[in-house]
Amino acid sequence: MNRMIKKVILGGTVHKMPDDWQKAIIATPKARAIWDDITPLARNEWICWVTSGKKADTRNIRIKKGLSKLSGGMRRPCCWAGCIHR
């Protein structure tokens, strides 16, 4: 049976969902399940955390860590002051 996967996911309260983070979440079912269950403010903090890295390497590391943490059930980025844009 061929199941359709919803390709668009919700963003945050302030930040738009970046393409690389969206693709990574869509490709990771456990992370996607948590993402769909968290609040818009929590999604906003994840987006800000991922995109606030100044270097491409930092962003890629944060995407991998974020997927791992979301997949493990973490609902907000840990050890981070939070989004300054809220």
C-alpha atoms as a PDB file:
ATOM      1  CA  MET A   1       0.000   0.000   0.000  1.00  0.00           C
ATOM      2  CA  ASN A   2       1.370   3.396  -0.962  1.00  0.00           C
ATOM      3  CA  ARG A   3       0.873   5.981   1.780  1.00  0.00           C
ATOM      4  CA  MET A   4       1.067   9.689   1.067  1.00  0.00           C
ATOM      5  CA  ILE A   5       3.242  11.647   3.464  1.00  0.00           C
ATOM      6  CA  LYS A   6       2.304  15.233   4.128  1.00  0.00           C
ATOM      7  CA  LYS A   7       5.199  17.260   2.703  1.00  0.00           C
ATOM      8  CA  VAL A   8       4.419  20.582   4.349  1.00  0.00           C
ATOM      9  CA  ILE A   9       4.901  21.003   8.063  1.00  0.00           C
ATOM     10  CA  LEU A  10       4.023  23.835  10.373  1.00  0.00           C
ATOM     11  CA  GLY A  11       6.517  26.524  11.270  1.00  0.00           C
ATOM     12  CA  GLY A  12       6.874  28.669  14.345  1.00  0.00           C
ATOM     13  CA  THR A  13       5.246  31.787  15.697  1.00  0.00           C
ATOM     14  CA  VAL A  14       7.814  34.160  14.193  1.00  0.00           C
ATOM     15  CA  HIS A  15      10.179  32.119  12.060  1.00  0.00           C
ATOM     16  CA  LYS A  16       9.337  30.505   8.743  1.00  0.00           C
ATOM     17  CA  MET A  17      10.304  26.896   8.298  1.00  0.00           C
ATOM     18  CA  PRO A  18      13.623  26.658   6.413  1.00  0.00           C
ATOM     19  CA  ASP A  19      13.756  24.101   3.604  1.00  0.00           C
ATOM     20  CA  ASP A  20      16.679  22.075   4.986  1.00  0.00           C
ATOM     21  CA  TRP A  21      15.100  21.691   8.441  1.00  0.00           C
ATOM     22  CA  GLN A  22      11.709  20.843   6.921  1.00  0.00           C
ATOM     23  CA  LYS A  23      13.188  18.147   4.661  1.00  0.00           C
ATOM     24  CA  ALA A  24      15.109  16.657   7.579  1.00  0.00           C
ATOM     25  CA  ILE A  25      12.014  16.470   9.798  1.00  0.00           C
ATOM     26  CA  ILE A  26       9.886  14.982   7.015  1.00  0.00           C
ATOM     27  CA  ALA A  27      12.532  12.307   6.457  1.00  0.00           C
ATOM     28  CA  THR A  28      12.605  11.362  10.164  1.00  0.00           C
ATOM     29  CA  PRO A  29       9.246   9.902  11.274  1.00  0.00           C
ATOM     30  CA  LYS A  30       9.935   9.964  15.041  1.00  0.00           C
ATOM     31  CA  ALA A  31      11.033  13.607  14.902  1.00  0.00           C
ATOM     32  CA  ARG A  32       8.020  14.411  12.733  1.00  0.00           C
ATOM     33  CA  ALA A  33       5.624  12.896  15.262  1.00  0.00           C
ATOM     34  CA  ILE A  34       6.957  15.136  18.043  1.00  0.00           C
ATOM     35  CA  TRP A  35       7.096  18.160  15.717  1.00  0.00           C
ATOM     36  CA  ASP A  36       3.429  17.764  14.872  1.00  0.00           C
ATOM     37  CA  ASP A  37       2.581  17.546  18.590  1.00  0.00           C
ATOM     38  CA  ILE A  38       4.536  20.525  19.979  1.00  0.00           C
ATOM     39  CA  THR A  39       3.272  24.089  20.262  1.00  0.00           C
ATOM     40  CA  PRO A  40       3.992  26.815  17.695  1.00  0.00           C
ATOM     41  CA  LEU A  41       6.245  28.517  20.282  1.00  0.00           C
ATOM     42  CA  ALA A  42       8.269  25.318  20.728  1.00  0.00           C
ATOM     43  CA  ARG A  43       8.563  24.930  16.938  1.00  0.00           C
ATOM     44  CA  ASN A  44       9.709  28.555  16.764  1.00  0.00           C
ATOM     45  CA  GLU A  45      12.476  27.849  19.279  1.00  0.00           C
ATOM     46  CA  TRP A  46      13.684  24.796  17.333  1.00  0.00           C
ATOM     47  CA  ILE A  47      13.750  26.801  14.101  1.00  0.00           C
ATOM     48  CA  CYS A  48      15.613  29.686  15.741  1.00  0.00           C
ATOM     49  CA  TRP A  49      18.101  27.306  17.355  1.00  0.00           C
ATOM     50  CA  VAL A  50      18.844  25.588  14.044  1.00  0.00           C
ATOM     51  CA  THR A  51      19.110  28.790  12.002  1.00  0.00           C
ATOM     52  CA  SER A  52      21.035  30.882  14.538  1.00  0.00           C
ATOM     53  CA  GLY A  53      24.315  29.113  13.810  1.00  0.00           C
ATOM     54  CA  LYS A  54      26.529  31.401  11.737  1.00  0.00           C
ATOM     55  CA  LYS A  55      28.450  28.667   9.893  1.00  0.00           C
ATOM     56  CA  ALA A  56      27.021  26.006   7.589  1.00  0.00           C
ATOM     57  CA  ASP A  57      28.811  23.322   9.627  1.00  0.00           C
ATOM     58  CA  THR A  58      27.149  24.542  12.818  1.00  0.00           C
ATOM     59  CA  ARG A  59      23.740  24.516  11.183  1.00  0.00           C
ATOM     60  CA  ASN A  60      24.249  20.988   9.843  1.00  0.00           C
ATOM     61  CA  ILE A  61      25.333  19.784  13.289  1.00  0.00           C
ATOM     62  CA  ARG A  62      22.260  21.409  14.842  1.00  0.00           C
ATOM     63  CA  ILE A  63      19.972  19.754  12.298  1.00  0.00           C
ATOM     64  CA  LYS A  64      21.423  16.325  13.133  1.00  0.00           C
ATOM     65  CA  LYS A  65      21.273  16.970  16.886  1.00  0.00           C
ATOM     66  CA  GLY A  66      17.786  18.425  16.612  1.00  0.00           C
ATOM     67  CA  LEU A  67      16.505  15.358  14.781  1.00  0.00           C
ATOM     68  CA  SER A  68      18.060  13.100  17.392  1.00  0.00           C
ATOM     69  CA  LYS A  69      16.611  15.092  20.282  1.00  0.00           C
ATOM     70  CA  LEU A  70      13.145  15.363  18.725  1.00  0.00           C
ATOM     71  CA  SER A  71      13.202  11.642  17.912  1.00  0.00           C
ATOM     72  CA  GLY A  72      14.017  10.991  21.572  1.00  0.00           C
ATOM     73  CA  GLY A  73      10.999  12.997  22.707  1.00  0.00           C
ATOM     74  CA  MET A  74      12.606  16.347  23.551  1.00  0.00           C
ATOM     75  CA  ARG A  75      10.059  19.092  22.944  1.00  0.00           C
ATOM     76  CA  ARG A  76      12.352  22.157  23.165  1.00  0.00           C
ATOM     77  CA  PRO A  77      16.045  22.771  22.505  1.00  0.00           C
ATOM     78  CA  CYS A  78      18.044  22.086  25.662  1.00  0.00           C
ATOM     79  CA  CYS A  79      20.684  24.311  27.188  1.00  0.00           C
ATOM     80  CA  TRP A  80      19.758  27.300  25.026  1.00  0.00           C
ATOM     81  CA  ALA A  81      18.434  30.644  26.234  1.00  0.00           C
ATOM     82  CA  GLY A  82      15.545  30.537  23.777  1.00  0.00           C
ATOM     83  CA  CYS A  83      14.451  32.557  20.805  1.00  0.00           C
ATOM     84  CA  ILE A  84      15.019  36.283  21.216  1.00  0.00           C
ATOM     85  CA  HIS A  85      12.356  36.965  18.583  1.00  0.00           C
ATOM     86  CA  ARG A  86       9.283  36.025  20.603  1.00  0.00           C
END
